[in-house]
Amino acid sequence: MKKILLCTLAVFTLVACERAPKSNIICGDYNIQMNFSEDGSMLHAIINGDDLDLTLAPSASGARYVGVLNDTNVTLWSKGDDWTMFLNDEDPIECK
């Protein structure tokens, strides 16, 4: 019985991991690991080792996530597969 429960738990854990889309991008000198919430309303990012939670914000096109990291306003904006990062509304940093 324990083996069945452990196997079932392992399957549910794997399914939950697959549902959380993860991505890695590089924006200038910033290495960003991203993990999206299931509904896409939140983005957890690790930017050069610093954790940051960003929320989905209104955008004319694409998806725009905003948050604050160490007194710096961070915006990650995507359109299709392309990402751009803005720090304190300065010049855009193209990502790959």
PDB file of N, CA and C in Angstrom:
ATOM      1  N   MET A   1       0.822  -1.203   0.000  1.00  0.00           N
ATOM      2  CA  MET A   1       0.000   0.000   0.000  1.00  0.00           C
ATOM      3  C   MET A   1       0.869   1.272   0.000  1.00  0.00           C
ATOM      4  N   LYS A   2       1.942   1.250   0.780  1.00  0.00           N
ATOM      5  CA  LYS A   2       2.821   2.413   0.838  1.00  0.00           C
ATOM      6  C   LYS A   2       3.458   2.684  -0.517  1.00  0.00           C
ATOM      7  N   LYS A   3       3.814   1.614  -1.245  1.00  0.00           N
ATOM      8  CA  LYS A   3       4.437   1.789  -2.558  1.00  0.00           C
ATOM      9  C   LYS A   3       3.472   2.461  -3.522  1.00  0.00           C
ATOM     10  N   ILE A   4       2.213   2.102  -3.472  1.00  0.00           N
ATOM     11  CA  ILE A   4       1.207   2.706  -4.350  1.00  0.00           C
ATOM     12  C   ILE A   4       1.057   4.185  -4.024  1.00  0.00           C
ATOM     13  N   LEU A   5       0.992   4.510  -2.735  1.00  0.00           N
ATOM     14  CA  LEU A   5       0.852   5.917  -2.338  1.00  0.00           C
ATOM     15  C   LEU A   5       2.076   6.724  -2.755  1.00  0.00           C
ATOM     16  N   LEU A   6       3.276   6.169  -2.568  1.00  0.00           N
ATOM     17  CA  LEU A   6       4.490   6.876  -2.958  1.00  0.00           C
ATOM     18  C   LEU A   6       4.558   7.084  -4.468  1.00  0.00           C
ATOM     19  N   CYS A   7       4.171   6.060  -5.232  1.00  0.00           N
ATOM     20  CA  CYS A   7       4.165   6.193  -6.693  1.00  0.00           C
ATOM     21  C   CYS A   7       3.160   7.243  -7.145  1.00  0.00           C
ATOM     22  N   THR A   8       1.987   7.239  -6.524  1.00  0.00           N
ATOM     23  CA  THR A   8       0.957   8.235  -6.865  1.00  0.00           C
ATOM     24  C   THR A   8       1.449   9.639  -6.538  1.00  0.00           C
ATOM     25  N   LEU A   9       2.063   9.794  -5.378  1.00  0.00           N
ATOM     26  CA  LEU A   9       2.601  11.101  -4.992  1.00  0.00           C
ATOM     27  C   LEU A   9       3.690  11.550  -5.961  1.00  0.00           C
ATOM     28  N   ALA A  10       4.540  10.641  -6.378  1.00  0.00           N
ATOM     29  CA  ALA A  10       5.607  10.978  -7.327  1.00  0.00           C
ATOM     30  C   ALA A  10       5.031  11.428  -8.654  1.00  0.00           C
ATOM     31  N   VAL A  11       3.981  10.762  -9.137  1.00  0.00           N
ATOM     32  CA  VAL A  11       3.342  11.146 -10.407  1.00  0.00           C
ATOM     33  C   VAL A  11       2.734  12.533 -10.292  1.00  0.00           C
ATOM     34  N   PHE A  12       2.015  12.819  -9.195  1.00  0.00           N
ATOM     35  CA  PHE A  12       1.424  14.142  -9.017  1.00  0.00           C
ATOM     36  C   PHE A  12       2.490  15.221  -8.924  1.00  0.00           C
ATOM     37  N   THR A  13       3.620  14.921  -8.302  1.00  0.00           N
ATOM     38  CA  THR A  13       4.711  15.887  -8.202  1.00  0.00           C
ATOM     39  C   THR A  13       5.276  16.196  -9.583  1.00  0.00           C
ATOM     40  N   LEU A  14       5.477  15.175 -10.394  1.00  0.00           N
ATOM     41  CA  LEU A  14       5.986  15.390 -11.749  1.00  0.00           C
ATOM     42  C   LEU A  14       5.013  16.204 -12.585  1.00  0.00           C
ATOM     43  N   VAL A  15       3.732  15.920 -12.473  1.00  0.00           N
ATOM     44  CA  VAL A  15       2.720  16.669 -13.224  1.00  0.00           C
ATOM     45  C   VAL A  15       2.722  18.119 -12.793  1.00  0.00           C
ATOM     46  N   ALA A  16       2.820  18.386 -11.494  1.00  0.00           N
ATOM     47  CA  ALA A  16       2.835  19.769 -11.000  1.00  0.00           C
ATOM     48  C   ALA A  16       4.061  20.505 -11.517  1.00  0.00           C
ATOM     49  N   CYS A  17       5.194  19.834 -11.579  1.00  0.00           N
ATOM     50  CA  CYS A  17       6.409  20.481 -12.091  1.00  0.00           C
ATOM     51  C   CYS A  17       6.271  20.818 -13.568  1.00  0.00           C
ATOM     52  N   GLU A  18       5.620  19.973 -14.332  1.00  0.00           N
ATOM     53  CA  GLU A  18       5.461  20.233 -15.759  1.00  0.00           C
ATOM     54  C   GLU A  18       4.512  21.383 -16.017  1.00  0.00           C
ATOM     55  N   ARG A  19       3.576  21.645 -15.117  1.00  0.00           N
ATOM     56  CA  ARG A  19       2.597  22.710 -15.325  1.00  0.00           C
ATOM     57  C   ARG A  19       3.193  24.092 -15.120  1.00  0.00           C
ATOM     58  N   ALA A  20       4.259  24.196 -14.369  1.00  0.00           N
ATOM     59  CA  ALA A  20       4.868  25.490 -14.094  1.00  0.00           C
ATOM     60  C   ALA A  20       5.919  25.776 -15.163  1.00  0.00           C
ATOM     61  N   PRO A  21       5.556  26.577 -16.181  1.00  0.00           N
ATOM     62  CA  PRO A  21       6.509  26.860 -17.259  1.00  0.00           C
ATOM     63  C   PRO A  21       7.749  27.566 -16.730  1.00  0.00           C
ATOM     64  N   LYS A  22       8.913  27.061 -17.102  1.00  0.00           N
ATOM     65  CA  LYS A  22      10.166  27.664 -16.681  1.00  0.00           C
ATOM     66  C   LYS A  22      10.941  28.095 -17.912  1.00  0.00           C
ATOM     67  N   SER A  23      11.734  29.127 -17.740  1.00  0.00           N
ATOM     68  CA  SER A  23      12.505  29.626 -18.864  1.00  0.00           C
ATOM     69  C   SER A  23      13.749  30.328 -18.332  1.00  0.00           C
ATOM     70  N   ASN A  24      14.791  30.349 -19.113  1.00  0.00           N
ATOM     71  CA  ASN A  24      16.009  31.084 -18.800  1.00  0.00           C
ATOM     72  C   ASN A  24      16.314  32.029 -19.950  1.00  0.00           C
ATOM     73  N   ILE A  25      16.642  33.273 -19.620  1.00  0.00           N
ATOM     74  CA  ILE A  25      17.016  34.246 -20.642  1.00  0.00           C
ATOM     75  C   ILE A  25      18.230  35.027 -20.153  1.00  0.00           C
ATOM     76  N   ILE A  26      18.901  35.666 -21.078  1.00  0.00           N
ATOM     77  CA  ILE A  26      20.018  36.552 -20.753  1.00  0.00           C
ATOM     78  C   ILE A  26      19.693  37.923 -21.324  1.00  0.00           C
ATOM     79  N   CYS A  27      19.711  38.916 -20.453  1.00  0.00           N
ATOM     80  CA  CYS A  27      19.431  40.299 -20.841  1.00  0.00           C
ATOM     81  C   CYS A  27      20.668  41.122 -20.510  1.00  0.00           C
ATOM     82  N   GLY A  28      21.465  41.422 -21.525  1.00  0.00           N
ATOM     83  CA  GLY A  28      22.724  42.134 -21.275  1.00  0.00           C
ATOM     84  C   GLY A  28      23.604  41.322 -20.355  1.00  0.00           C
ATOM     85  N   ASP A  29      23.952  41.882 -19.189  1.00  0.00           N
ATOM     86  CA  ASP A  29      24.784  41.186 -18.198  1.00  0.00           C
ATOM     87  C   ASP A  29      23.957  40.440 -17.157  1.00  0.00           C
ATOM     88  N   TYR A  30      22.666  40.324 -17.365  1.00  0.00           N
ATOM     89  CA  TYR A  30      21.772  39.711 -16.389  1.00  0.00           C
ATOM     90  C   TYR A  30      21.324  38.331 -16.849  1.00  0.00           C
ATOM     91  N   ASN A  31      21.575  37.320 -16.010  1.00  0.00           N
ATOM     92  CA  ASN A  31      21.080  35.974 -16.245  1.00  0.00           C
ATOM     93  C   ASN A  31      19.774  35.835 -15.457  1.00  0.00           C
ATOM     94  N   ILE A  32      18.690  35.501 -16.142  1.00  0.00           N
ATOM     95  CA  ILE A  32      17.383  35.470 -15.499  1.00  0.00           C
ATOM     96  C   ILE A  32      16.756  34.088 -15.658  1.00  0.00           C
ATOM     97  N   GLN A  33      16.416  33.488 -14.524  1.00  0.00           N
ATOM     98  CA  GLN A  33      15.660  32.248 -14.498  1.00  0.00           C
ATOM     99  C   GLN A  33      14.228  32.620 -14.145  1.00  0.00           C
ATOM    100  N   MET A  34      13.278  32.167 -14.960  1.00  0.00           N
ATOM    101  CA  MET A  34      11.888  32.555 -14.757  1.00  0.00           C
ATOM    102  C   MET A  34      11.012  31.332 -14.524  1.00  0.00           C
ATOM    103  N   ASN A  35      10.045  31.490 -13.631  1.00  0.00           N
ATOM    104  CA  ASN A  35       9.066  30.458 -13.349  1.00  0.00           C
ATOM    105  C   ASN A  35       7.700  31.139 -13.239  1.00  0.00           C
ATOM    106  N   PHE A  36       6.784  30.791 -14.121  1.00  0.00           N
ATOM    107  CA  PHE A  36       5.472  31.426 -14.184  1.00  0.00           C
ATOM    108  C   PHE A  36       4.460  30.684 -13.334  1.00  0.00           C
ATOM    109  N   SER A  37       3.513  31.425 -12.760  1.00  0.00           N
ATOM    110  CA  SER A  37       2.397  30.783 -12.071  1.00  0.00           C
ATOM    111  C   SER A  37       1.525  30.096 -13.113  1.00  0.00           C
ATOM    112  N   GLU A  38       0.700  29.176 -12.657  1.00  0.00           N
ATOM    113  CA  GLU A  38      -0.150  28.422 -13.592  1.00  0.00           C
ATOM    114  C   GLU A  38      -1.029  29.328 -14.439  1.00  0.00           C
ATOM    115  N   ASP A  39      -1.575  30.378 -13.832  1.00  0.00           N
ATOM    116  CA  ASP A  39      -2.478  31.253 -14.580  1.00  0.00           C
ATOM    117  C   ASP A  39      -1.752  32.402 -15.278  1.00  0.00           C
ATOM    118  N   GLY A  40      -0.428  32.490 -15.106  1.00  0.00           N
ATOM    119  CA  GLY A  40       0.352  33.517 -15.781  1.00  0.00           C
ATOM    120  C   GLY A  40       0.294  34.889 -15.138  1.00  0.00           C
ATOM    121  N   SER A  41      -0.355  34.999 -13.978  1.00  0.00           N
ATOM    122  CA  SER A  41      -0.494  36.313 -13.339  1.00  0.00           C
ATOM    123  C   SER A  41       0.746  36.721 -12.547  1.00  0.00           C
ATOM    124  N   MET A  42       1.625  35.765 -12.251  1.00  0.00           N
ATOM    125  CA  MET A  42       2.842  36.042 -11.488  1.00  0.00           C
ATOM    126  C   MET A  42       4.040  35.430 -12.200  1.00  0.00           C
ATOM    127  N   LEU A  43       5.160  36.064 -12.017  1.00  0.00           N
ATOM    128  CA  LEU A  43       6.419  35.574 -12.551  1.00  0.00           C
ATOM    129  C   LEU A  43       7.444  35.640 -11.433  1.00  0.00           C
ATOM    130  N   HIS A  44       7.985  34.482 -11.073  1.00  0.00           N
ATOM    131  CA  HIS A  44       9.079  34.460 -10.099  1.00  0.00           C
ATOM    132  C   HIS A  44      10.369  34.438 -10.902  1.00  0.00           C
ATOM    133  N   ALA A  45      11.233  35.397 -10.657  1.00  0.00           N
ATOM    134  CA  ALA A  45      12.493  35.493 -11.387  1.00  0.00           C
ATOM    135  C   ALA A  45      13.655  35.461 -10.412  1.00  0.00           C
ATOM    136  N   ILE A  46      14.730  34.832 -10.863  1.00  0.00           N
ATOM    137  CA  ILE A  46      16.010  34.908 -10.153  1.00  0.00           C
ATOM    138  C   ILE A  46      16.948  35.629 -11.103  1.00  0.00           C
ATOM    139  N   ILE A  47      17.300  36.856 -10.718  1.00  0.00           N
ATOM    140  CA  ILE A  47      18.130  37.714 -11.571  1.00  0.00           C
ATOM    141  C   ILE A  47      19.519  37.788 -10.947  1.00  0.00           C
ATOM    142  N   ASN A  48      20.483  37.173 -11.622  1.00  0.00           N
ATOM    143  CA  ASN A  48      21.860  37.105 -11.104  1.00  0.00           C
ATOM    144  C   ASN A  48      21.890  36.684  -9.632  1.00  0.00           C
ATOM    145  N   GLY A  49      21.042  35.717  -9.275  1.00  0.00           N
ATOM    146  CA  GLY A  49      21.025  35.165  -7.922  1.00  0.00           C
ATOM    147  C   GLY A  49      20.052  35.828  -6.966  1.00  0.00           C
ATOM    148  N   ASP A  50      19.438  36.959  -7.331  1.00  0.00           N
ATOM    149  CA  ASP A  50      18.474  37.646  -6.467  1.00  0.00           C
ATOM    150  C   ASP A  50      17.051  37.256  -6.846  1.00  0.00           C
ATOM    151  N   ASP A  51      16.239  36.842  -5.841  1.00  0.00           N
ATOM    152  CA  ASP A  51      14.842  36.458  -6.069  1.00  0.00           C
ATOM    153  C   ASP A  51      13.956  37.685  -6.196  1.00  0.00           C
ATOM    154  N   LEU A  52      13.007  37.598  -7.133  1.00  0.00           N
ATOM    155  CA  LEU A  52      12.065  38.688  -7.360  1.00  0.00           C
ATOM    156  C   LEU A  52      10.740  38.126  -7.851  1.00  0.00           C
ATOM    157  N   ASP A  53       9.643  38.567  -7.235  1.00  0.00           N
ATOM    158  CA  ASP A  53       8.309  38.230  -7.717  1.00  0.00           C
ATOM    159  C   ASP A  53       7.753  39.420  -8.479  1.00  0.00           C
ATOM    160  N   LEU A  54       7.333  39.176  -9.719  1.00  0.00           N
ATOM    161  CA  LEU A  54       6.777  40.227 -10.562  1.00  0.00           C
ATOM    162  C   LEU A  54       5.306  39.892 -10.834  1.00  0.00           C
ATOM    163  N   THR A  55       4.496  40.927 -10.966  1.00  0.00           N
ATOM    164  CA  THR A  55       3.076  40.729 -11.260  1.00  0.00           C
ATOM    165  C   THR A  55       2.762  41.176 -12.677  1.00  0.00           C
ATOM    166  N   LEU A  56       1.787  40.525 -13.265  1.00  0.00           N
ATOM    167  CA  LEU A  56       1.340  40.882 -14.606  1.00  0.00           C
ATOM    168  C   LEU A  56       0.701  42.262 -14.565  1.00  0.00           C
ATOM    169  N   ALA A  57       1.095  43.125 -15.478  1.00  0.00           N
ATOM    170  CA  ALA A  57       0.590  44.498 -15.534  1.00  0.00           C
ATOM    171  C   ALA A  57      -0.056  44.730 -16.900  1.00  0.00           C
ATOM    172  N   PRO A  58      -0.963  45.717 -16.991  1.00  0.00           N
ATOM    173  CA  PRO A  58      -1.579  46.012 -18.283  1.00  0.00           C
ATOM    174  C   PRO A  58      -0.527  46.346 -19.343  1.00  0.00           C
ATOM    175  N   SER A  59      -0.778  45.887 -20.561  1.00  0.00           N
ATOM    176  CA  SER A  59       0.139  46.132 -21.669  1.00  0.00           C
ATOM    177  C   SER A  59      -0.672  46.263 -22.948  1.00  0.00           C
ATOM    178  N   ALA A  60      -0.264  47.182 -23.818  1.00  0.00           N
ATOM    179  CA  ALA A  60      -0.966  47.346 -25.095  1.00  0.00           C
ATOM    180  C   ALA A  60      -0.796  46.105 -25.964  1.00  0.00           C
ATOM    181  N   SER A  61       0.364  45.459 -25.867  1.00  0.00           N
ATOM    182  CA  SER A  61       0.580  44.199 -26.577  1.00  0.00           C
ATOM    183  C   SER A  61       1.615  43.388 -25.816  1.00  0.00           C
ATOM    184  N   GLY A  62       1.551  42.090 -25.930  1.00  0.00           N
ATOM    185  CA  GLY A  62       2.474  41.220 -25.223  1.00  0.00           C
ATOM    186  C   GLY A  62       2.107  41.102 -23.760  1.00  0.00           C
ATOM    187  N   ALA A  63       3.053  40.625 -22.969  1.00  0.00           N
ATOM    188  CA  ALA A  63       2.872  40.469 -21.526  1.00  0.00           C
ATOM    189  C   ALA A  63       3.952  41.278 -20.822  1.00  0.00           C
ATOM    190  N   ARG A  64       3.530  42.037 -19.812  1.00  0.00           N
ATOM    191  CA  ARG A  64       4.464  42.894 -19.078  1.00  0.00           C
ATOM    192  C   ARG A  64       4.369  42.547 -17.600  1.00  0.00           C
ATOM    193  N   TYR A  65       5.517  42.218 -17.008  1.00  0.00           N
ATOM    194  CA  TYR A  65       5.596  41.889 -15.587  1.00  0.00           C
ATOM    195  C   TYR A  65       6.433  42.938 -14.891  1.00  0.00           C
ATOM    196  N   VAL A  66       5.979  43.402 -13.722  1.00  0.00           N
ATOM    197  CA  VAL A  66       6.670  44.470 -13.002  1.00  0.00           C
ATOM    198  C   VAL A  66       6.921  44.066 -11.549  1.00  0.00           C
ATOM    199  N   GLY A  67       8.030  44.570 -11.011  1.00  0.00           N
ATOM    200  CA  GLY A  67       8.379  44.335  -9.619  1.00  0.00           C
ATOM    201  C   GLY A  67       9.504  45.263  -9.213  1.00  0.00           C
ATOM    202  N   VAL A  68       9.898  45.185  -7.943  1.00  0.00           N
ATOM    203  CA  VAL A  68      10.974  46.028  -7.425  1.00  0.00           C
ATOM    204  C   VAL A  68      12.023  45.131  -6.779  1.00  0.00           C
ATOM    205  N   LEU A  69      13.281  45.340  -7.167  1.00  0.00           N
ATOM    206  CA  LEU A  69      14.402  44.585  -6.622  1.00  0.00           C
ATOM    207  C   LEU A  69      15.461  45.568  -6.152  1.00  0.00           C
ATOM    208  N   ASN A  70      15.728  45.579  -4.852  1.00  0.00           N
ATOM    209  CA  ASN A  70      16.749  46.464  -4.274  1.00  0.00           C
ATOM    210  C   ASN A  70      16.556  47.917  -4.722  1.00  0.00           C
ATOM    211  N   ASP A  71      15.362  48.448  -4.567  1.00  0.00           N
ATOM    212  CA  ASP A  71      15.012  49.826  -4.938  1.00  0.00           C
ATOM    213  C   ASP A  71      15.097  50.104  -6.435  1.00  0.00           C
ATOM    214  N   THR A  72      15.134  49.068  -7.257  1.00  0.00           N
ATOM    215  CA  THR A  72      15.153  49.227  -8.709  1.00  0.00           C
ATOM    216  C   THR A  72      13.853  48.684  -9.285  1.00  0.00           C
ATOM    217  N   ASN A  73      13.138  49.512 -10.045  1.00  0.00           N
ATOM    218  CA  ASN A  73      11.929  49.045 -10.723  1.00  0.00           C
ATOM    219  C   ASN A  73      12.342  48.163 -11.893  1.00  0.00           C
ATOM    220  N   VAL A  74      11.848  46.934 -11.899  1.00  0.00           N
ATOM    221  CA  VAL A  74      12.191  45.969 -12.933  1.00  0.00           C
ATOM    222  C   VAL A  74      10.944  45.662 -13.748  1.00  0.00           C
ATOM    223  N   THR A  75      11.070  45.766 -15.067  1.00  0.00           N
ATOM    224  CA  THR A  75      10.005  45.377 -15.976  1.00  0.00           C
ATOM    225  C   THR A  75      10.552  44.349 -16.950  1.00  0.00           C
ATOM    226  N   LEU A  76       9.867  43.220 -17.040  1.00  0.00           N
ATOM    227  CA  LEU A  76      10.171  42.220 -18.052  1.00  0.00           C
ATOM    228  C   LEU A  76       8.976  42.174 -18.984  1.00  0.00           C
ATOM    229  N   TRP A  77       9.215  42.435 -20.257  1.00  0.00           N
ATOM    230  CA  TRP A  77       8.143  42.522 -21.241  1.00  0.00           C
ATOM    231  C   TRP A  77       8.410  41.516 -22.348  1.00  0.00           C
ATOM    232  N   SER A  78       7.393  40.763 -22.687  1.00  0.00           N
ATOM    233  CA  SER A  78       7.559  39.786 -23.763  1.00  0.00           C
ATOM    234  C   SER A  78       6.513  40.013 -24.838  1.00  0.00           C
ATOM    235  N   LYS A  79       6.941  39.730 -26.043  1.00  0.00           N
ATOM    236  CA  LYS A  79       6.035  39.734 -27.178  1.00  0.00           C
ATOM    237  C   LYS A  79       6.453  38.551 -28.032  1.00  0.00           C
ATOM    238  N   GLY A  80       5.600  37.546 -28.074  1.00  0.00           N
ATOM    239  CA  GLY A  80       5.972  36.306 -28.743  1.00  0.00           C
ATOM    240  C   GLY A  80       7.074  35.636 -27.950  1.00  0.00           C
ATOM    241  N   ASP A  81       8.153  35.287 -28.603  1.00  0.00           N
ATOM    242  CA  ASP A  81       9.296  34.661 -27.937  1.00  0.00           C
ATOM    243  C   ASP A  81      10.375  35.662 -27.543  1.00  0.00           C
ATOM    244  N   ASP A  82      10.167  36.943 -27.821  1.00  0.00           N
ATOM    245  CA  ASP A  82      11.164  37.978 -27.544  1.00  0.00           C
ATOM    246  C   ASP A  82      10.906  38.632 -26.191  1.00  0.00           C
ATOM    247  N   TRP A  83      11.992  38.848 -25.436  1.00  0.00           N
ATOM    248  CA  TRP A  83      11.912  39.493 -24.131  1.00  0.00           C
ATOM    249  C   TRP A  83      12.768  40.756 -24.121  1.00  0.00           C
ATOM    250  N   THR A  84      12.303  41.742 -23.351  1.00  0.00           N
ATOM    251  CA  THR A  84      13.042  42.980 -23.123  1.00  0.00           C
ATOM    252  C   THR A  84      12.948  43.302 -21.641  1.00  0.00           C
ATOM    253  N   MET A  85      14.052  43.786 -21.052  1.00  0.00           N
ATOM    254  CA  MET A  85      14.056  44.168 -19.648  1.00  0.00           C
ATOM    255  C   MET A  85      14.293  45.670 -19.547  1.00  0.00           C
ATOM    256  N   PHE A  86      13.585  46.296 -18.621  1.00  0.00           N
ATOM    257  CA  PHE A  86      13.762  47.719 -18.321  1.00  0.00           C
ATOM    258  C   PHE A  86      14.092  47.849 -16.841  1.00  0.00           C
ATOM    259  N   LEU A  87      15.081  48.650 -16.509  1.00  0.00           N
ATOM    260  CA  LEU A  87      15.438  48.952 -15.128  1.00  0.00           C
ATOM    261  C   LEU A  87      15.209  50.431 -14.899  1.00  0.00           C
ATOM    262  N   ASN A  88      14.292  50.767 -13.976  1.00  0.00           N
ATOM    263  CA  ASN A  88      13.947  52.171 -13.682  1.00  0.00           C
ATOM    264  C   ASN A  88      13.603  52.957 -14.943  1.00  0.00           C
ATOM    265  N   ASP A  89      12.912  52.356 -15.866  1.00  0.00           N
ATOM    266  CA  ASP A  89      12.457  53.001 -17.096  1.00  0.00           C
ATOM    267  C   ASP A  89      13.612  53.572 -17.929  1.00  0.00           C
ATOM    268  N   GLU A  90      14.812  53.005 -17.772  1.00  0.00           N
ATOM    269  CA  GLU A  90      15.951  53.433 -18.591  1.00  0.00           C
ATOM    270  C   GLU A  90      15.871  52.729 -19.943  1.00  0.00           C
ATOM    271  N   ASP A  91      16.929  52.817 -20.721  1.00  0.00           N
ATOM    272  CA  ASP A  91      16.949  52.204 -22.048  1.00  0.00           C
ATOM    273  C   ASP A  91      16.656  50.719 -21.957  1.00  0.00           C
ATOM    274  N   PRO A  92      15.959  50.182 -22.963  1.00  0.00           N
ATOM    275  CA  PRO A  92      15.639  48.744 -22.954  1.00  0.00           C
ATOM    276  C   PRO A  92      16.880  47.882 -23.072  1.00  0.00           C
ATOM    277  N   ILE A  93      16.825  46.737 -22.426  1.00  0.00           N
ATOM    278  CA  ILE A  93      17.888  45.743 -22.519  1.00  0.00           C
ATOM    279  C   ILE A  93      17.303  44.528 -23.247  1.00  0.00           C
ATOM    280  N   GLU A  94      17.803  44.282 -24.439  1.00  0.00           N
ATOM    281  CA  GLU A  94      17.293  43.156 -25.232  1.00  0.00           C
ATOM    282  C   GLU A  94      17.750  41.838 -24.615  1.00  0.00           C
ATOM    283  N   CYS A  95      16.897  40.858 -24.692  1.00  0.00           N
ATOM    284  CA  CYS A  95      17.181  39.550 -24.097  1.00  0.00           C
ATOM    285  C   CYS A  95      17.241  38.473 -25.180  1.00  0.00           C
ATOM    286  N   LYS A  96      17.976  37.420 -24.856  1.00  0.00           N
ATOM    287  CA  LYS A  96      18.012  36.268 -25.751  1.00  0.00           C
ATOM    288  C   LYS A  96      17.818  34.990 -24.980  1.00  0.00           C
TER     289      LYS A  96
END
